[in-house]
Amino acid sequence: MDREQMLEQIQELCREVFEDDELEITESTTAADVENWDSLTHLSLIHEIETTFRVKFTMGEIQGVNDVGELVDVLAKRVNER
């Protein structure tokens, strides 16, 4: 799975978690850019990503993410480790 496919899948997961079928996510999207992205929905999103991609992030990886692009970086690393 390439980076673009991961981003597309994350966008679909974001649409589900944030209950917004028209939400557009880019690599530069941050939590501040998305209405209702708070700590609880962040945890829900991470859980959905881990479940969908069958990976497990460390707390340090999650805390170090500043935007969706960095999240894709961490995800790609985890997927490639399998």
PDB file of N, CA and C in Angstrom:
ATOM      1  N   MET A   1       0.853  -1.183   0.000  1.00  0.00           N
ATOM      2  CA  MET A   1       0.000   0.000   0.000  1.00  0.00           C
ATOM      3  C   MET A   1       0.891   1.236   0.000  1.00  0.00           C
ATOM      4  N   ASP A   2       0.602   2.148  -0.920  1.00  0.00           N
ATOM      5  CA  ASP A   2       1.427   3.341  -0.997  1.00  0.00           C
ATOM      6  C   ASP A   2       0.850   4.472  -0.134  1.00  0.00           C
ATOM      7  N   ARG A   3       1.593   5.547  -0.068  1.00  0.00           N
ATOM      8  CA  ARG A   3       1.246   6.687   0.789  1.00  0.00           C
ATOM      9  C   ARG A   3      -0.122   7.276   0.426  1.00  0.00           C
ATOM     10  N   GLU A   4      -0.390   7.413  -0.863  1.00  0.00           N
ATOM     11  CA  GLU A   4      -1.666   7.981  -1.307  1.00  0.00           C
ATOM     12  C   GLU A   4      -2.844   7.100  -0.872  1.00  0.00           C
ATOM     13  N   GLN A   5      -2.679   5.796  -0.973  1.00  0.00           N
ATOM     14  CA  GLN A   5      -3.735   4.876  -0.544  1.00  0.00           C
ATOM     15  C   GLN A   5      -3.960   4.974   0.965  1.00  0.00           C
ATOM     16  N   MET A   6      -2.875   5.105   1.716  1.00  0.00           N
ATOM     17  CA  MET A   6      -3.009   5.262   3.166  1.00  0.00           C
ATOM     18  C   MET A   6      -3.770   6.545   3.492  1.00  0.00           C
ATOM     19  N   LEU A   7      -3.425   7.627   2.823  1.00  0.00           N
ATOM     20  CA  LEU A   7      -4.094   8.898   3.059  1.00  0.00           C
ATOM     21  C   LEU A   7      -5.580   8.798   2.719  1.00  0.00           C
ATOM     22  N   GLU A   8      -5.916   8.138   1.630  1.00  0.00           N
ATOM     23  CA  GLU A   8      -7.318   7.953   1.257  1.00  0.00           C
ATOM     24  C   GLU A   8      -8.062   7.161   2.317  1.00  0.00           C
ATOM     25  N   GLN A   9      -7.442   6.106   2.826  1.00  0.00           N
ATOM     26  CA  GLN A   9      -8.089   5.288   3.857  1.00  0.00           C
ATOM     27  C   GLN A   9      -8.240   6.084   5.151  1.00  0.00           C
ATOM     28  N   ILE A  10      -7.242   6.866   5.510  1.00  0.00           N
ATOM     29  CA  ILE A  10      -7.342   7.706   6.705  1.00  0.00           C
ATOM     30  C   ILE A  10      -8.459   8.723   6.535  1.00  0.00           C
ATOM     31  N   GLN A  11      -8.603   9.272   5.343  1.00  0.00           N
ATOM     32  CA  GLN A  11      -9.697  10.214   5.107  1.00  0.00           C
ATOM     33  C   GLN A  11     -11.046   9.534   5.339  1.00  0.00           C
ATOM     34  N   GLU A  12     -11.209   8.326   4.851  1.00  0.00           N
ATOM     35  CA  GLU A  12     -12.467   7.601   5.062  1.00  0.00           C
ATOM     36  C   GLU A  12     -12.710   7.356   6.556  1.00  0.00           C
ATOM     37  N   LEU A  13     -11.653   6.989   7.277  1.00  0.00           N
ATOM     38  CA  LEU A  13     -11.788   6.764   8.721  1.00  0.00           C
ATOM     39  C   LEU A  13     -12.132   8.066   9.436  1.00  0.00           C
ATOM     40  N   CYS A  14     -11.527   9.163   9.018  1.00  0.00           N
ATOM     41  CA  CYS A  14     -11.846  10.468   9.608  1.00  0.00           C
ATOM     42  C   CYS A  14     -13.308  10.828   9.365  1.00  0.00           C
ATOM     43  N   ARG A  15     -13.792  10.564   8.167  1.00  0.00           N
ATOM     44  CA  ARG A  15     -15.191  10.849   7.860  1.00  0.00           C
ATOM     45  C   ARG A  15     -16.123  10.070   8.783  1.00  0.00           C
ATOM     46  N   GLU A  16     -15.756   8.816   9.085  1.00  0.00           N
ATOM     47  CA  GLU A  16     -16.562   8.004   9.989  1.00  0.00           C
ATOM     48  C   GLU A  16     -16.482   8.526  11.423  1.00  0.00           C
ATOM     49  N   VAL A  17     -15.265   8.727  11.904  1.00  0.00           N
ATOM     50  CA  VAL A  17     -15.065   9.140  13.298  1.00  0.00           C
ATOM     51  C   VAL A  17     -15.677  10.513  13.568  1.00  0.00           C
ATOM     52  N   PHE A  18     -15.496  11.437  12.629  1.00  0.00           N
ATOM     53  CA  PHE A  18     -15.988  12.800  12.834  1.00  0.00           C
ATOM     54  C   PHE A  18     -17.391  13.013  12.266  1.00  0.00           C
ATOM     55  N   GLU A  19     -17.971  11.928  11.745  1.00  0.00           N
ATOM     56  CA  GLU A  19     -19.340  11.936  11.227  1.00  0.00           C
ATOM     57  C   GLU A  19     -19.570  13.078  10.236  1.00  0.00           C
ATOM     58  N   ASP A  20     -18.674  13.162   9.242  1.00  0.00           N
ATOM     59  CA  ASP A  20     -18.741  14.198   8.219  1.00  0.00           C
ATOM     60  C   ASP A  20     -18.345  13.579   6.882  1.00  0.00           C
ATOM     61  N   ASP A  21     -19.350  13.226   6.070  1.00  0.00           N
ATOM     62  CA  ASP A  21     -19.107  12.554   4.794  1.00  0.00           C
ATOM     63  C   ASP A  21     -18.379  13.408   3.774  1.00  0.00           C
ATOM     64  N   GLU A  22     -18.295  14.702   3.995  1.00  0.00           N
ATOM     65  CA  GLU A  22     -17.645  15.595   3.041  1.00  0.00           C
ATOM     66  C   GLU A  22     -16.279  16.088   3.519  1.00  0.00           C
ATOM     67  N   LEU A  23     -15.820  15.590   4.652  1.00  0.00           N
ATOM     68  CA  LEU A  23     -14.540  16.017   5.216  1.00  0.00           C
ATOM     69  C   LEU A  23     -13.400  15.691   4.257  1.00  0.00           C
ATOM     70  N   GLU A  24     -12.583  16.691   3.973  1.00  0.00           N
ATOM     71  CA  GLU A  24     -11.405  16.517   3.116  1.00  0.00           C
ATOM     72  C   GLU A  24     -10.153  16.613   3.984  1.00  0.00           C
ATOM     73  N   ILE A  25      -9.336  15.584   3.910  1.00  0.00           N
ATOM     74  CA  ILE A  25      -8.111  15.510   4.703  1.00  0.00           C
ATOM     75  C   ILE A  25      -6.917  15.577   3.760  1.00  0.00           C
ATOM     76  N   THR A  26      -5.927  16.393   4.116  1.00  0.00           N
ATOM     77  CA  THR A  26      -4.667  16.441   3.374  1.00  0.00           C
ATOM     78  C   THR A  26      -3.541  16.133   4.346  1.00  0.00           C
ATOM     79  N   GLU A  27      -2.342  16.035   3.833  1.00  0.00           N
ATOM     80  CA  GLU A  27      -1.210  15.756   4.714  1.00  0.00           C
ATOM     81  C   GLU A  27      -0.950  16.895   5.687  1.00  0.00           C
ATOM     82  N   SER A  28      -1.375  18.086   5.355  1.00  0.00           N
ATOM     83  CA  SER A  28      -1.143  19.225   6.249  1.00  0.00           C
ATOM     84  C   SER A  28      -2.295  19.470   7.227  1.00  0.00           C
ATOM     85  N   THR A  29      -3.337  18.647   7.178  1.00  0.00           N
ATOM     86  CA  THR A  29      -4.470  18.802   8.091  1.00  0.00           C
ATOM     87  C   THR A  29      -4.036  18.537   9.527  1.00  0.00           C
ATOM     88  N   THR A  30      -4.467  19.414  10.432  1.00  0.00           N
ATOM     89  CA  THR A  30      -4.206  19.241  11.865  1.00  0.00           C
ATOM     90  C   THR A  30      -5.544  19.122  12.588  1.00  0.00           C
ATOM     91  N   ALA A  31      -5.486  18.767  13.855  1.00  0.00           N
ATOM     92  CA  ALA A  31      -6.701  18.660  14.660  1.00  0.00           C
ATOM     93  C   ALA A  31      -7.448  19.987  14.699  1.00  0.00           C
ATOM     94  N   ALA A  32      -6.732  21.084  14.693  1.00  0.00           N
ATOM     95  CA  ALA A  32      -7.359  22.407  14.739  1.00  0.00           C
ATOM     96  C   ALA A  32      -8.172  22.701  13.481  1.00  0.00           C
ATOM     97  N   ASP A  33      -7.892  21.998  12.394  1.00  0.00           N
ATOM     98  CA  ASP A  33      -8.593  22.219  11.131  1.00  0.00           C
ATOM     99  C   ASP A  33      -9.931  21.494  11.044  1.00  0.00           C
ATOM    100  N   VAL A  34     -10.179  20.567  11.965  1.00  0.00           N
ATOM    101  CA  VAL A  34     -11.363  19.707  11.878  1.00  0.00           C
ATOM    102  C   VAL A  34     -12.263  19.954  13.078  1.00  0.00           C
ATOM    103  N   GLU A  35     -13.494  20.343  12.781  1.00  0.00           N
ATOM    104  CA  GLU A  35     -14.468  20.556  13.844  1.00  0.00           C
ATOM    105  C   GLU A  35     -14.675  19.242  14.592  1.00  0.00           C
ATOM    106  N   ASN A  36     -14.762  19.316  15.881  1.00  0.00           N
ATOM    107  CA  ASN A  36     -14.995  18.168  16.778  1.00  0.00           C
ATOM    108  C   ASN A  36     -13.784  17.250  16.960  1.00  0.00           C
ATOM    109  N   TRP A  37     -12.601  17.649  16.472  1.00  0.00           N
ATOM    110  CA  TRP A  37     -11.407  16.822  16.714  1.00  0.00           C
ATOM    111  C   TRP A  37     -10.862  17.213  18.079  1.00  0.00           C
ATOM    112  N   ASP A  38     -11.195  16.415  19.062  1.00  0.00           N
ATOM    113  CA  ASP A  38     -10.711  16.638  20.419  1.00  0.00           C
ATOM    114  C   ASP A  38      -9.965  15.387  20.874  1.00  0.00           C
ATOM    115  N   SER A  39      -9.593  15.329  22.137  1.00  0.00           N
ATOM    116  CA  SER A  39      -8.784  14.203  22.610  1.00  0.00           C
ATOM    117  C   SER A  39      -9.533  12.877  22.507  1.00  0.00           C
ATOM    118  N   LEU A  40     -10.830  12.881  22.733  1.00  0.00           N
ATOM    119  CA  LEU A  40     -11.605  11.641  22.655  1.00  0.00           C
ATOM    120  C   LEU A  40     -11.721  11.147  21.217  1.00  0.00           C
ATOM    121  N   THR A  41     -12.044  12.042  20.287  1.00  0.00           N
ATOM    122  CA  THR A  41     -12.144  11.615  18.896  1.00  0.00           C
ATOM    123  C   THR A  41     -10.762  11.261  18.337  1.00  0.00           C
ATOM    124  N   HIS A  42      -9.722  11.886  18.861  1.00  0.00           N
ATOM    125  CA  HIS A  42      -8.359  11.537  18.444  1.00  0.00           C
ATOM    126  C   HIS A  42      -8.069  10.080  18.800  1.00  0.00           C
ATOM    127  N   LEU A  43      -8.415   9.693  20.019  1.00  0.00           N
ATOM    128  CA  LEU A  43      -8.208   8.303  20.441  1.00  0.00           C
ATOM    129  C   LEU A  43      -9.046   7.342  19.600  1.00  0.00           C
ATOM    130  N   SER A  44     -10.261   7.749  19.282  1.00  0.00           N
ATOM    131  CA  SER A  44     -11.114   6.914  18.431  1.00  0.00           C
ATOM    132  C   SER A  44     -10.501   6.742  17.046  1.00  0.00           C
ATOM    133  N   LEU A  45      -9.977   7.826  16.499  1.00  0.00           N
ATOM    134  CA  LEU A  45      -9.350   7.766  15.178  1.00  0.00           C
ATOM    135  C   LEU A  45      -8.127   6.852  15.199  1.00  0.00           C
ATOM    136  N   ILE A  46      -7.291   7.005  16.197  1.00  0.00           N
ATOM    137  CA  ILE A  46      -6.094   6.159  16.306  1.00  0.00           C
ATOM    138  C   ILE A  46      -6.495   4.693  16.419  1.00  0.00           C
ATOM    139  N   HIS A  47      -7.506   4.415  17.228  1.00  0.00           N
ATOM    140  CA  HIS A  47      -7.990   3.037  17.374  1.00  0.00           C
ATOM    141  C   HIS A  47      -8.470   2.487  16.026  1.00  0.00           C
ATOM    142  N   GLU A  48      -9.223   3.272  15.288  1.00  0.00           N
ATOM    143  CA  GLU A  48      -9.725   2.839  13.981  1.00  0.00           C
ATOM    144  C   GLU A  48      -8.580   2.590  13.001  1.00  0.00           C
ATOM    145  N   ILE A  49      -7.573   3.450  13.028  1.00  0.00           N
ATOM    146  CA  ILE A  49      -6.413   3.268  12.151  1.00  0.00           C
ATOM    147  C   ILE A  49      -5.669   1.988  12.531  1.00  0.00           C
ATOM    148  N   GLU A  50      -5.438   1.786  13.824  1.00  0.00           N
ATOM    149  CA  GLU A  50      -4.742   0.579  14.274  1.00  0.00           C
ATOM    150  C   GLU A  50      -5.510  -0.679  13.875  1.00  0.00           C
ATOM    151  N   THR A  51      -6.818  -0.648  14.025  1.00  0.00           N
ATOM    152  CA  THR A  51      -7.645  -1.805  13.688  1.00  0.00           C
ATOM    153  C   THR A  51      -7.647  -2.059  12.181  1.00  0.00           C
ATOM    154  N   THR A  52      -7.855  -1.017  11.407  1.00  0.00           N
ATOM    155  CA  THR A  52      -7.935  -1.147   9.954  1.00  0.00           C
ATOM    156  C   THR A  52      -6.631  -1.639   9.352  1.00  0.00           C
ATOM    157  N   PHE A  53      -5.519  -1.082   9.805  1.00  0.00           N
ATOM    158  CA  PHE A  53      -4.219  -1.421   9.230  1.00  0.00           C
ATOM    159  C   PHE A  53      -3.492  -2.526   9.995  1.00  0.00           C
ATOM    160  N   ARG A  54      -4.115  -3.005  11.065  1.00  0.00           N
ATOM    161  CA  ARG A  54      -3.547  -4.064  11.896  1.00  0.00           C
ATOM    162  C   ARG A  54      -2.138  -3.725  12.381  1.00  0.00           C
ATOM    163  N   VAL A  55      -2.029  -2.543  12.997  1.00  0.00           N
ATOM    164  CA  VAL A  55      -0.771  -2.070  13.568  1.00  0.00           C
ATOM    165  C   VAL A  55      -1.047  -1.592  14.986  1.00  0.00           C
ATOM    166  N   LYS A  56       0.006  -1.335  15.720  1.00  0.00           N
ATOM    167  CA  LYS A  56      -0.098  -0.787  17.072  1.00  0.00           C
ATOM    168  C   LYS A  56       0.938   0.310  17.202  1.00  0.00           C
ATOM    169  N   PHE A  57       0.481   1.514  17.545  1.00  0.00           N
ATOM    170  CA  PHE A  57       1.379   2.643  17.733  1.00  0.00           C
ATOM    171  C   PHE A  57       1.829   2.718  19.187  1.00  0.00           C
ATOM    172  N   THR A  58       3.014   3.280  19.397  1.00  0.00           N
ATOM    173  CA  THR A  58       3.460   3.558  20.760  1.00  0.00           C
ATOM    174  C   THR A  58       2.911   4.926  21.166  1.00  0.00           C
ATOM    175  N   MET A  59       2.875   5.189  22.450  1.00  0.00           N
ATOM    176  CA  MET A  59       2.406   6.484  22.941  1.00  0.00           C
ATOM    177  C   MET A  59       3.303   7.604  22.405  1.00  0.00           C
ATOM    178  N   GLY A  60       4.590   7.370  22.332  1.00  0.00           N
ATOM    179  CA  GLY A  60       5.522   8.366  21.817  1.00  0.00           C
ATOM    180  C   GLY A  60       5.261   8.707  20.365  1.00  0.00           C
ATOM    181  N   GLU A  61       4.921   7.693  19.575  1.00  0.00           N
ATOM    182  CA  GLU A  61       4.608   7.945  18.169  1.00  0.00           C
ATOM    183  C   GLU A  61       3.371   8.829  18.043  1.00  0.00           C
ATOM    184  N   ILE A  62       2.376   8.547  18.830  1.00  0.00           N
ATOM    185  CA  ILE A  62       1.122   9.300  18.765  1.00  0.00           C
ATOM    186  C   ILE A  62       1.336  10.736  19.245  1.00  0.00           C
ATOM    187  N   GLN A  63       2.078  10.903  20.319  1.00  0.00           N
ATOM    188  CA  GLN A  63       2.312  12.237  20.868  1.00  0.00           C
ATOM    189  C   GLN A  63       3.163  13.101  19.932  1.00  0.00           C
ATOM    190  N   GLY A  64       3.980  12.472  19.096  1.00  0.00           N
ATOM    191  CA  GLY A  64       4.863  13.219  18.218  1.00  0.00           C
ATOM    192  C   GLY A  64       4.227  13.655  16.903  1.00  0.00           C
ATOM    193  N   VAL A  65       2.974  13.288  16.685  1.00  0.00           N
ATOM    194  CA  VAL A  65       2.293  13.598  15.419  1.00  0.00           C
ATOM    195  C   VAL A  65       1.667  14.982  15.487  1.00  0.00           C
ATOM    196  N   ASN A  66       2.031  15.837  14.519  1.00  0.00           N
ATOM    197  CA  ASN A  66       1.489  17.195  14.473  1.00  0.00           C
ATOM    198  C   ASN A  66       0.456  17.406  13.378  1.00  0.00           C
ATOM    199  N   ASP A  67       0.480  16.552  12.353  1.00  0.00           N
ATOM    200  CA  ASP A  67      -0.496  16.673  11.269  1.00  0.00           C
ATOM    201  C   ASP A  67      -0.713  15.300  10.639  1.00  0.00           C
ATOM    202  N   VAL A  68      -1.633  15.221   9.699  1.00  0.00           N
ATOM    203  CA  VAL A  68      -1.966  13.943   9.088  1.00  0.00           C
ATOM    204  C   VAL A  68      -0.773  13.374   8.320  1.00  0.00           C
ATOM    205  N   GLY A  69       0.032  14.214   7.713  1.00  0.00           N
ATOM    206  CA  GLY A  69       1.217  13.743   7.004  1.00  0.00           C
ATOM    207  C   GLY A  69       2.168  12.982   7.915  1.00  0.00           C
ATOM    208  N   GLU A  70       2.362  13.500   9.114  1.00  0.00           N
ATOM    209  CA  GLU A  70       3.218  12.806  10.083  1.00  0.00           C
ATOM    210  C   GLU A  70       2.569  11.507  10.546  1.00  0.00           C
ATOM    211  N   LEU A  71       1.252  11.495  10.638  1.00  0.00           N
ATOM    212  CA  LEU A  71       0.533  10.268  10.989  1.00  0.00           C
ATOM    213  C   LEU A  71       0.739   9.213   9.900  1.00  0.00           C
ATOM    214  N   VAL A  72       0.688   9.629   8.645  1.00  0.00           N
ATOM    215  CA  VAL A  72       0.937   8.707   7.537  1.00  0.00           C
ATOM    216  C   VAL A  72       2.378   8.191   7.606  1.00  0.00           C
ATOM    217  N   ASP A  73       3.329   9.039   7.969  1.00  0.00           N
ATOM    218  CA  ASP A  73       4.724   8.609   8.118  1.00  0.00           C
ATOM    219  C   ASP A  73       4.845   7.487   9.143  1.00  0.00           C
ATOM    220  N   VAL A  74       4.221   7.692  10.301  1.00  0.00           N
ATOM    221  CA  VAL A  74       4.277   6.697  11.380  1.00  0.00           C
ATOM    222  C   VAL A  74       3.574   5.409  10.940  1.00  0.00           C
ATOM    223  N   LEU A  75       2.436   5.560  10.290  1.00  0.00           N
ATOM    224  CA  LEU A  75       1.692   4.397   9.816  1.00  0.00           C
ATOM    225  C   LEU A  75       2.503   3.618   8.784  1.00  0.00           C
ATOM    226  N   ALA A  76       3.104   4.319   7.833  1.00  0.00           N
ATOM    227  CA  ALA A  76       3.907   3.651   6.799  1.00  0.00           C
ATOM    228  C   ALA A  76       5.053   2.873   7.427  1.00  0.00           C
ATOM    229  N   LYS A  77       5.671   3.447   8.440  1.00  0.00           N
ATOM    230  CA  LYS A  77       6.763   2.760   9.137  1.00  0.00           C
ATOM    231  C   LYS A  77       6.251   1.455   9.767  1.00  0.00           C
ATOM    232  N   ARG A  78       5.122   1.540  10.432  1.00  0.00           N
ATOM    233  CA  ARG A  78       4.548   0.361  11.092  1.00  0.00           C
ATOM    234  C   ARG A  78       4.128  -0.703  10.081  1.00  0.00           C
ATOM    235  N   VAL A  79       3.491  -0.283   8.997  1.00  0.00           N
ATOM    236  CA  VAL A  79       3.044  -1.223   7.970  1.00  0.00           C
ATOM    237  C   VAL A  79       4.244  -1.928   7.338  1.00  0.00           C
ATOM    238  N   ASN A  80       5.313  -1.186   7.095  1.00  0.00           N
ATOM    239  CA  ASN A  80       6.507  -1.765   6.477  1.00  0.00           C
ATOM    240  C   ASN A  80       7.268  -2.692   7.408  1.00  0.00           C
ATOM    241  N   GLU A  81       7.025  -2.594   8.721  1.00  0.00           N
ATOM    242  CA  GLU A  81       7.690  -3.476   9.685  1.00  0.00           C
ATOM    243  C   GLU A  81       7.076  -4.858   9.703  1.00  0.00           C
ATOM    244  N   ARG A  82       5.879  -4.995   9.167  1.00  0.00           N
ATOM    245  CA  ARG A  82       5.208  -6.303   9.198  1.00  0.00           C
ATOM    246  C   ARG A  82       5.844  -7.271   8.253  1.00  0.00           C
TER     247      ARG A  82
END
